[in-house]
Amino acid sequence: MNKPKLSFWQIWNLSFGFLGVQIGYSLQNSNTSSIFQSLGADVSHLSYFWLAAPLAGMIIQPIIGMFSDGTWTRFGRRIPYILVGAVISTIALLLMPNCPVLLAFAPLAMGAFILLFMDLSFNVTMQPFRALVADMLDDSQKTQGYVVQTFLINLGAVVGAFLPLVMTWFGVSDEAVPGQVSKHIAYSYYAGGVILLLTVLVTAFKTKEYPPKEFAEYNGLPYDEAGNSGKTESGERKERQGFISLIRNMPKVMLQLGVTQFFSWAALFLMWTYLKPAITGTVTDSAGMILSEGATQTWVGVLNGIYPIPACIVSIFMSRIASRYGNKLTYALCLLFGALGFVSLSFIHNQYLMMLPMVCIGIAWAGILAMPYSILSRDVDARNMGAYMGIFNFTITIPQIVIGLTGGLIVKWLFGNEAIWMLGLAGIFMLLAAISVAFVGRGKTE
């Protein structure tokens, strides 16, 4: 029994809330280092604060996925988690700029607590959105569903990154006052929190999830009167592979891709953590004048808003390019563009010329979001696809944790607190990622 065909706007509404979540996530990516530096954090300690995001993703996403799989309420299966996560995320966004007021004698500690609070809530909200598309759409519409979701994710990244700049256009000060969060950053967080909640409410009120019986019928699953699916006709629960068994039988290609993922995500994490301190005091305007610290932070937001744009454009054509030249070559070329971007970013000082390296990084970003999953899906048993995709998420979080733990030591002892060299290191990591693609085994079809 096929699921009903949904209209474009119904598909749009499924992921519309993700737009707001990504705006909040983009604000965090662009401004966390600046906020903690303004509160007194040393550049060698920044990576420790950034550990919150990967740790939260590693722990929360599998748990929320497991619980939402078994949740059946009158409000839906995924929507309750999306709503609760959105409310908490909004509160966290509103609180973050007020760390110096909330705990005046230890603003850094309060900021770290709120950041962890924010990352946990972002992950509670994001994880069900991925599953909601699969739940609601027929196989013939899933590709369209995820394309729309990807577009909204990148749109949210652009909006979140540019919000501080927009605030300055409305006359909000970008002055960086030690011990305080700049007003244009604070107002951006307030706006981002409101947008996040409103967009999620659109998804919650415009989406009606299938009840348990219909869900079982649409997916060809047995169903009993208790509302449980997944039983055999005799009523016995189907045996599922345990976590240890899944790890033991992991496809070899997953381990090979894990090496590529490690280097590529380590490079991205270095950019998110060190871009602002790396270019502060060196980035210049068109007249050759060095930008103020507040203006530099605003421009970091602009740069972070640049790379999702080419990522959107490249993703439209990527499937055609991969079908002609192969997944591995396409993936490697994308990563090489990223390596070029990071290395160029280390030497370019003009604020407008810095946009060019970000375009290269955007091409790499498009490849990182799409190609590993395309390659992996060819070698994974469809019955365990969800489980292995969850395990594969470790290849995203582990490199961020490793860099978070070691980044401070590297920038302090290897580079003498000169954060610009961390961008050069990111270029080396991305180059190693591109080279490692050559060692990824062929899938079932190439």
Protein backbone atom coordinates (compact mmCIF):
# COMPACT_ATOMS: atom_id res chain seq x y z
CA MET A 1 0.00 0.00 0.00
CA ASN A 2 1.58 3.26 -1.14
CA LYS A 3 1.61 6.41 0.94
CA PRO A 4 -0.50 9.32 -0.32
CA LYS A 5 1.27 11.74 -2.66
CA LEU A 6 1.94 15.05 -0.95
CA SER A 7 1.89 18.43 -2.66
CA PHE A 8 5.02 20.57 -2.89
CA TRP A 9 3.88 22.82 -0.06
CA GLN A 10 3.07 19.84 2.16
CA ILE A 11 6.62 18.60 1.54
CA TRP A 12 7.92 22.12 2.20
CA ASN A 13 6.07 22.27 5.53
CA LEU A 14 7.61 18.96 6.64
CA SER A 15 11.05 20.57 6.81
CA PHE A 16 10.17 24.25 7.22
CA GLY A 17 11.01 24.11 10.91
CA PHE A 18 14.51 22.95 9.99
CA LEU A 19 15.03 26.42 8.46
CA GLY A 20 14.71 28.00 11.91
CA VAL A 21 16.84 25.35 13.60
CA GLN A 22 19.61 25.90 11.06
CA ILE A 23 19.44 29.67 11.57
CA GLY A 24 20.12 29.08 15.26
CA TYR A 25 22.87 26.58 14.49
CA SER A 26 24.47 29.00 12.02
CA LEU A 27 24.42 31.80 14.61
CA GLN A 28 26.19 29.47 17.00
CA ASN A 29 28.82 28.44 14.42
CA SER A 30 29.58 32.02 13.45
CA ASN A 31 29.62 33.66 16.87
CA THR A 32 30.51 31.18 19.62
CA SER A 33 34.25 31.87 19.50
CA SER A 34 33.66 35.63 19.48
CA ILE A 35 31.26 35.46 22.44
CA PHE A 36 33.62 33.40 24.56
CA GLN A 37 36.59 35.59 23.67
CA SER A 38 34.61 38.66 24.72
CA LEU A 39 33.89 36.90 28.02
CA GLY A 40 37.61 36.36 28.58
CA ALA A 41 38.41 32.98 27.01
CA ASP A 42 41.96 32.49 25.75
CA VAL A 43 42.35 31.48 22.10
CA SER A 44 44.02 28.23 23.19
CA HIS A 45 40.89 27.29 25.14
CA LEU A 46 38.30 27.92 22.42
CA SER A 47 38.28 24.37 21.06
CA TYR A 48 37.24 23.02 24.46
CA PHE A 49 34.01 25.01 24.36
CA TRP A 50 33.31 23.67 20.87
CA LEU A 51 33.31 20.09 22.21
CA ALA A 52 29.70 20.58 23.29
CA ALA A 53 28.27 20.20 19.76
CA PRO A 54 29.81 16.86 18.72
CA LEU A 55 29.35 15.35 22.17
CA ALA A 56 25.69 16.34 22.15
CA GLY A 57 25.20 14.93 18.65
CA MET A 58 26.91 11.64 19.47
CA ILE A 59 24.81 11.06 22.58
CA ILE A 60 21.45 12.66 21.87
CA GLN A 61 20.71 11.77 18.23
CA PRO A 62 20.77 7.95 18.67
CA ILE A 63 18.70 8.25 21.86
CA ILE A 64 16.08 10.55 20.34
CA GLY A 65 15.93 8.36 17.23
CA MET A 66 15.31 5.26 19.32
CA PHE A 67 12.65 6.88 21.50
CA SER A 68 10.82 8.63 18.66
CA ASP A 69 10.67 5.33 16.75
CA GLY A 70 8.53 3.96 19.59
CA THR A 71 6.49 7.08 20.36
CA TRP A 72 2.85 7.22 19.32
CA THR A 73 0.78 10.16 20.62
CA ARG A 74 -2.21 12.09 19.39
CA PHE A 75 0.23 14.86 18.41
CA GLY A 76 2.26 12.47 16.28
CA ARG A 77 5.40 10.40 16.44
CA ARG A 78 8.17 12.95 15.74
CA ILE A 79 6.36 16.27 16.31
CA PRO A 80 6.41 16.11 20.15
CA TYR A 81 10.22 15.89 20.15
CA ILE A 82 10.52 18.64 17.54
CA LEU A 83 8.30 20.96 19.59
CA VAL A 84 10.00 20.34 22.93
CA GLY A 85 13.44 20.74 21.37
CA ALA A 86 12.38 23.97 19.65
CA VAL A 87 11.11 25.56 22.87
CA ILE A 88 14.33 24.71 24.72
CA SER A 89 16.44 25.89 21.76
CA THR A 90 14.63 29.23 21.72
CA ILE A 91 15.22 29.70 25.45
CA ALA A 92 18.91 28.91 25.00
CA LEU A 93 19.27 31.43 22.16
CA LEU A 94 17.63 34.12 24.26
CA LEU A 95 19.85 33.38 27.27
CA MET A 96 23.26 33.12 25.55
CA PRO A 97 23.86 36.89 25.03
CA ASN A 98 23.01 37.48 28.69
CA CYS A 99 25.73 35.32 30.25
CA PRO A 100 27.47 38.29 31.91
CA VAL A 101 24.19 39.26 33.62
CA LEU A 102 23.02 35.76 34.56
CA LEU A 103 26.26 34.88 36.36
CA ALA A 104 28.37 38.01 36.65
CA PHE A 105 31.18 36.41 38.68
CA ALA A 106 31.62 33.51 36.23
CA PRO A 107 30.20 34.44 32.79
CA LEU A 108 32.38 31.88 30.98
CA ALA A 109 30.99 29.05 33.09
CA MET A 110 27.45 30.24 32.42
CA GLY A 111 28.20 30.54 28.70
CA ALA A 112 29.59 27.00 28.59
CA PHE A 113 26.49 25.68 30.38
CA ILE A 114 24.10 27.48 28.02
CA LEU A 115 26.10 26.32 24.99
CA LEU A 116 25.76 22.69 26.09
CA PHE A 117 22.06 23.32 26.80
CA MET A 118 21.70 24.80 23.30
CA ASP A 119 23.50 21.96 21.53
CA LEU A 120 21.46 19.30 23.30
CA SER A 121 18.20 21.04 22.34
CA PHE A 122 19.30 21.60 18.72
CA ASN A 123 19.95 17.87 18.40
CA VAL A 124 16.63 16.97 20.01
CA THR A 125 14.92 19.12 17.37
CA MET A 126 17.01 18.19 14.32
CA GLN A 127 17.05 14.40 14.58
CA PRO A 128 13.26 13.86 14.17
CA PHE A 129 13.15 16.13 11.10
CA ARG A 130 15.32 13.62 9.19
CA ALA A 131 13.01 10.76 10.12
CA LEU A 132 9.83 12.76 9.51
CA VAL A 133 10.55 13.05 5.78
CA ALA A 134 11.07 9.28 5.52
CA ASP A 135 7.94 8.60 7.58
CA MET A 136 5.63 10.81 5.54
CA LEU A 137 6.82 10.43 1.95
CA ASP A 138 6.48 7.61 -0.54
CA ASP A 139 9.71 6.31 -2.10
CA SER A 140 8.95 8.25 -5.28
CA GLN A 141 8.90 11.56 -3.33
CA LYS A 142 11.71 11.02 -0.80
CA THR A 143 14.40 12.45 -3.03
CA GLN A 144 12.33 15.61 -3.49
CA GLY A 145 11.72 15.71 0.25
CA TYR A 146 15.40 15.62 1.11
CA VAL A 147 16.29 18.10 -1.65
CA VAL A 148 13.80 20.56 -0.15
CA GLN A 149 15.22 19.89 3.32
CA THR A 150 18.78 20.43 2.08
CA PHE A 151 17.75 23.71 0.45
CA LEU A 152 16.14 24.93 3.68
CA ILE A 153 19.19 23.88 5.70
CA ASN A 154 21.53 25.92 3.51
CA LEU A 155 19.09 28.84 3.36
CA GLY A 156 18.99 28.84 7.17
CA ALA A 157 22.78 28.77 7.29
CA VAL A 158 22.94 31.86 5.07
CA VAL A 159 20.27 33.77 7.02
CA GLY A 160 21.86 32.96 10.38
CA ALA A 161 25.31 33.98 9.21
CA PHE A 162 24.11 37.29 7.76
CA LEU A 163 21.80 38.29 10.63
CA PRO A 164 24.49 40.27 12.53
CA LEU A 165 25.31 42.23 9.37
CA VAL A 166 21.61 42.95 8.82
CA MET A 167 21.40 44.22 12.40
CA THR A 168 24.16 46.75 11.69
CA TRP A 169 22.19 47.94 8.64
CA PHE A 170 19.37 48.78 11.05
CA GLY A 171 21.77 50.82 13.18
CA VAL A 172 22.56 48.28 15.90
CA SER A 173 26.09 48.80 17.23
CA ASP A 174 28.78 46.22 16.46
CA GLU A 175 31.15 47.63 19.08
CA ALA A 176 33.03 44.88 20.91
CA VAL A 177 33.04 45.70 24.63
CA PRO A 178 35.21 43.42 26.81
CA GLY A 179 33.09 41.34 29.14
CA GLN A 180 29.91 41.85 27.10
CA VAL A 181 28.29 40.37 24.02
CA SER A 182 28.10 42.87 21.15
CA LYS A 183 24.59 44.25 20.66
CA HIS A 184 24.34 43.21 17.00
CA ILE A 185 25.18 39.61 18.00
CA ALA A 186 22.73 39.69 20.92
CA TYR A 187 19.87 41.01 18.78
CA SER A 188 20.66 38.37 16.14
CA TYR A 189 20.29 35.63 18.76
CA TYR A 190 16.94 37.07 19.87
CA ALA A 191 15.68 37.23 16.29
CA GLY A 192 17.00 33.73 15.58
CA GLY A 193 15.19 32.31 18.60
CA VAL A 194 11.86 33.81 17.55
CA ILE A 195 12.25 32.62 13.94
CA LEU A 196 13.18 29.12 15.10
CA LEU A 197 10.05 28.77 17.21
CA LEU A 198 7.74 30.21 14.55
CA THR A 199 9.04 27.97 11.75
CA VAL A 200 8.77 24.86 13.93
CA LEU A 201 5.18 25.78 14.80
CA VAL A 202 4.42 25.86 11.06
CA THR A 203 5.68 22.29 10.72
CA ALA A 204 3.84 21.17 13.86
CA PHE A 205 0.47 22.61 12.85
CA LYS A 206 0.68 21.94 9.11
CA THR A 207 1.86 18.32 9.35
CA LYS A 208 -0.38 15.45 10.41
CA GLU A 209 1.62 12.30 10.99
CA TYR A 210 0.19 8.89 10.15
CA PRO A 211 -1.33 7.00 13.11
CA PRO A 212 0.26 3.63 14.00
CA LYS A 213 -2.06 1.42 11.96
CA GLU A 214 -1.76 3.49 8.78
CA PHE A 215 1.99 3.78 9.27
CA ALA A 216 2.29 -0.01 9.49
CA GLU A 217 0.12 -0.50 6.39
CA TYR A 218 2.02 2.06 4.32
CA ASN A 219 5.36 0.45 5.22
CA GLY A 220 4.23 -3.17 4.83
CA LEU A 221 4.74 -3.92 8.53
CA PRO A 222 2.62 -6.22 10.72
CA TYR A 223 0.53 -4.47 13.33
CA ASP A 224 -1.21 -5.58 16.51
CA GLU A 225 -4.00 -3.94 18.47
CA ALA A 226 -1.55 -2.45 20.97
CA GLY A 227 -0.23 -0.19 18.27
CA ASN A 228 3.08 -1.97 17.86
CA SER A 229 4.53 -2.68 14.46
CA GLY A 230 7.35 -5.00 13.61
CA LYS A 231 5.89 -8.33 14.80
CA THR A 232 5.59 -11.51 12.80
CA GLU A 233 2.21 -13.02 12.04
CA SER A 234 2.64 -15.40 14.97
CA GLY A 235 2.99 -12.39 17.26
CA GLU A 236 6.66 -12.90 18.00
CA ARG A 237 8.96 -9.92 17.90
CA LYS A 238 11.33 -9.92 14.95
CA GLU A 239 14.91 -10.41 16.08
CA ARG A 240 17.11 -7.44 15.35
CA GLN A 241 20.85 -7.30 15.06
CA GLY A 242 22.48 -5.96 18.21
CA PHE A 243 24.82 -2.99 18.22
CA ILE A 244 27.93 -5.12 18.75
CA SER A 245 26.90 -7.43 15.92
CA LEU A 246 26.38 -4.44 13.61
CA ILE A 247 29.84 -3.13 14.45
CA ARG A 248 31.39 -6.56 13.90
CA ASN A 249 29.73 -6.89 10.50
CA MET A 250 30.35 -3.29 9.45
CA PRO A 251 31.02 -2.96 5.70
CA LYS A 252 34.69 -2.35 4.96
CA VAL A 253 33.82 0.72 2.92
CA MET A 254 32.45 2.37 6.07
CA LEU A 255 35.84 2.17 7.76
CA GLN A 256 37.56 3.46 4.63
CA LEU A 257 35.14 6.38 4.37
CA GLY A 258 35.68 6.99 8.08
CA VAL A 259 39.28 8.02 7.34
CA THR A 260 38.12 10.53 4.74
CA GLN A 261 35.40 11.78 7.05
CA PHE A 262 37.88 12.24 9.88
CA PHE A 263 40.15 14.57 7.92
CA SER A 264 37.34 16.52 6.21
CA TRP A 265 35.29 17.13 9.37
CA ALA A 266 38.44 17.97 11.34
CA ALA A 267 39.16 20.67 8.73
CA LEU A 268 35.63 22.10 9.00
CA PHE A 269 35.81 22.10 12.80
CA LEU A 270 39.07 24.05 12.67
CA MET A 271 37.40 26.68 10.47
CA TRP A 272 34.35 27.04 12.71
CA THR A 273 36.52 27.37 15.80
CA TYR A 274 39.41 29.53 14.62
CA LEU A 275 38.23 31.64 11.68
CA LYS A 276 37.44 34.68 13.80
CA PRO A 277 40.64 34.74 15.89
CA ALA A 278 42.66 33.81 12.80
CA ILE A 279 41.71 36.89 10.78
CA THR A 280 41.28 39.42 13.60
CA GLY A 281 43.86 42.17 13.20
CA THR A 282 44.77 41.11 9.65
CA VAL A 283 41.61 41.42 7.55
CA THR A 284 41.37 44.72 5.68
CA ASP A 285 38.70 46.67 3.83
CA SER A 286 38.94 47.82 0.20
CA ALA A 287 41.07 50.79 1.27
CA GLY A 288 43.58 48.57 3.05
CA MET A 289 42.47 49.58 6.56
CA ILE A 290 42.36 46.83 9.18
CA LEU A 291 38.80 46.14 10.36
CA SER A 292 37.83 46.67 13.97
CA GLU A 293 37.17 43.61 16.10
CA GLY A 294 33.40 44.13 15.92
CA ALA A 295 33.48 44.60 12.15
CA THR A 296 35.69 41.51 11.83
CA GLN A 297 33.14 39.42 13.73
CA THR A 298 30.39 40.71 11.45
CA TRP A 299 32.48 39.76 8.42
CA VAL A 300 33.08 36.26 9.84
CA GLY A 301 29.30 35.86 9.78
CA VAL A 302 29.27 36.97 6.14
CA LEU A 303 32.01 34.47 5.23
CA ASN A 304 30.10 31.69 6.98
CA GLY A 305 27.08 32.69 4.94
CA ILE A 306 28.96 32.44 1.66
CA TYR A 307 29.88 28.77 1.48
CA PRO A 308 26.32 27.33 1.71
CA ILE A 309 25.42 29.26 -1.47
CA PRO A 310 27.80 27.42 -3.87
CA ALA A 311 26.95 24.24 -1.96
CA CYS A 312 23.31 24.65 -3.00
CA ILE A 313 24.26 25.28 -6.62
CA VAL A 314 26.78 22.43 -6.86
CA SER A 315 24.41 19.93 -5.26
CA ILE A 316 21.94 20.46 -8.10
CA PHE A 317 24.46 19.19 -10.64
CA MET A 318 26.40 16.76 -8.50
CA SER A 319 24.36 13.66 -9.32
CA ARG A 320 24.92 14.22 -13.05
CA ILE A 321 28.65 14.78 -12.56
CA ALA A 322 28.95 11.67 -10.39
CA SER A 323 27.04 9.54 -12.88
CA ARG A 324 29.48 10.59 -15.60
CA TYR A 325 32.80 10.58 -13.73
CA GLY A 326 32.08 8.32 -10.74
CA ASN A 327 31.38 9.00 -7.08
CA LYS A 328 34.97 8.72 -5.90
CA LEU A 329 36.45 11.14 -8.43
CA THR A 330 33.66 13.64 -7.83
CA TYR A 331 34.15 13.37 -4.07
CA ALA A 332 37.94 13.78 -4.31
CA LEU A 333 37.66 16.84 -6.57
CA CYS A 334 35.23 18.51 -4.16
CA LEU A 335 37.67 17.95 -1.29
CA LEU A 336 40.57 19.32 -3.35
CA PHE A 337 38.59 22.52 -3.84
CA GLY A 338 38.21 22.66 -0.07
CA ALA A 339 41.96 22.24 0.46
CA LEU A 340 42.61 25.08 -1.97
CA GLY A 341 40.09 27.25 -0.16
CA PHE A 342 41.59 26.74 3.30
CA VAL A 343 45.16 27.34 2.15
CA SER A 344 44.11 30.50 0.25
CA LEU A 345 42.21 31.74 3.30
CA SER A 346 45.49 31.63 5.24
CA PHE A 347 47.15 34.16 2.93
CA ILE A 348 44.36 36.47 1.70
CA HIS A 349 43.68 39.54 3.85
CA ASN A 350 41.22 41.61 1.78
CA GLN A 351 37.73 41.03 3.18
CA TYR A 352 36.12 40.76 -0.25
CA LEU A 353 38.76 38.49 -1.77
CA MET A 354 38.18 36.15 1.19
CA MET A 355 34.87 35.26 -0.41
CA LEU A 356 36.67 33.30 -3.14
CA PRO A 357 38.17 30.71 -0.77
CA MET A 358 34.75 30.34 0.86
CA VAL A 359 33.29 29.41 -2.55
CA CYS A 360 35.89 26.62 -2.79
CA ILE A 361 35.02 25.48 0.74
CA GLY A 362 31.34 25.49 -0.27
CA ILE A 363 32.08 23.06 -3.11
CA ALA A 364 33.79 20.77 -0.59
CA TRP A 365 30.81 21.16 1.75
CA ALA A 366 28.44 19.98 -0.99
CA GLY A 367 30.57 16.88 -1.55
CA ILE A 368 30.88 16.13 2.17
CA LEU A 369 27.11 16.29 2.65
CA ALA A 370 26.27 14.01 -0.28
CA MET A 371 29.01 11.74 -1.61
CA PRO A 372 29.94 9.64 1.45
CA TYR A 373 26.31 8.58 1.86
CA SER A 374 25.93 7.81 -1.84
CA ILE A 375 29.04 5.60 -1.76
CA LEU A 376 28.12 3.94 1.54
CA SER A 377 24.52 3.15 0.61
CA ARG A 378 25.71 0.85 -2.18
CA ASP A 379 27.38 -1.54 0.27
CA VAL A 380 24.91 -1.50 3.17
CA ASP A 381 22.07 -4.00 3.55
CA ALA A 382 18.81 -2.05 3.24
CA ARG A 383 17.45 -3.79 6.38
CA ASN A 384 20.16 -2.15 8.48
CA MET A 385 20.40 1.15 6.59
CA GLY A 386 19.09 3.29 9.44
CA ALA A 387 21.31 1.67 12.06
CA TYR A 388 24.43 2.01 9.94
CA MET A 389 23.66 5.61 9.05
CA GLY A 390 23.43 6.31 12.79
CA ILE A 391 26.75 4.58 13.41
CA PHE A 392 28.26 6.48 10.48
CA ASN A 393 27.42 9.71 12.33
CA PHE A 394 30.31 8.82 14.67
CA THR A 395 32.67 9.62 11.78
CA ILE A 396 31.38 13.20 11.99
CA THR A 397 31.47 13.65 15.76
CA ILE A 398 34.72 11.82 16.62
CA PRO A 399 37.03 14.09 14.56
CA GLN A 400 35.40 17.15 16.11
CA ILE A 401 35.95 15.74 19.59
CA VAL A 402 39.59 14.90 18.81
CA ILE A 403 40.27 18.40 17.45
CA GLY A 404 38.34 19.94 20.34
CA LEU A 405 40.61 18.18 22.82
CA THR A 406 43.88 18.81 20.98
CA GLY A 407 43.26 22.09 19.14
CA GLY A 408 44.20 24.27 22.10
CA LEU A 409 47.50 22.47 22.55
CA ILE A 410 48.27 22.70 18.83
CA VAL A 411 47.58 26.43 18.52
CA LYS A 412 49.49 27.21 21.72
CA TRP A 413 52.56 25.01 21.49
CA LEU A 414 52.92 24.43 17.75
CA PHE A 415 51.75 27.79 16.38
CA GLY A 416 52.47 30.16 19.27
CA ASN A 417 48.80 31.22 19.57
CA GLU A 418 48.81 32.35 15.91
CA ALA A 419 45.37 31.03 14.96
CA ILE A 420 45.88 31.78 11.24
CA TRP A 421 48.01 28.64 10.96
CA MET A 422 45.06 26.54 12.09
CA LEU A 423 43.43 27.39 8.75
CA GLY A 424 46.55 26.16 6.99
CA LEU A 425 46.33 22.96 9.02
CA ALA A 426 42.71 22.66 7.89
CA GLY A 427 43.95 22.83 4.29
CA ILE A 428 46.39 19.96 4.94
CA PHE A 429 43.63 17.89 6.53
CA MET A 430 41.33 18.48 3.56
CA LEU A 431 44.12 17.47 1.16
CA LEU A 432 44.64 14.25 3.14
CA ALA A 433 40.89 13.64 2.94
CA ALA A 434 41.00 13.98 -0.86
CA ILE A 435 43.95 11.57 -1.10
CA SER A 436 42.28 9.03 1.18
CA VAL A 437 39.32 8.75 -1.22
CA ALA A 438 41.61 6.74 -3.52
CA PHE A 439 41.69 3.98 -0.89
CA VAL A 440 37.91 3.73 -0.60
CA GLY A 441 36.82 0.38 -2.07
CA ARG A 442 34.36 0.26 -4.90
CA GLY A 443 30.72 -0.22 -4.05
CA LYS A 444 28.40 -2.72 -5.65
CA THR A 445 28.21 -0.40 -8.66
CA GLU A 446 30.42 2.52 -9.50
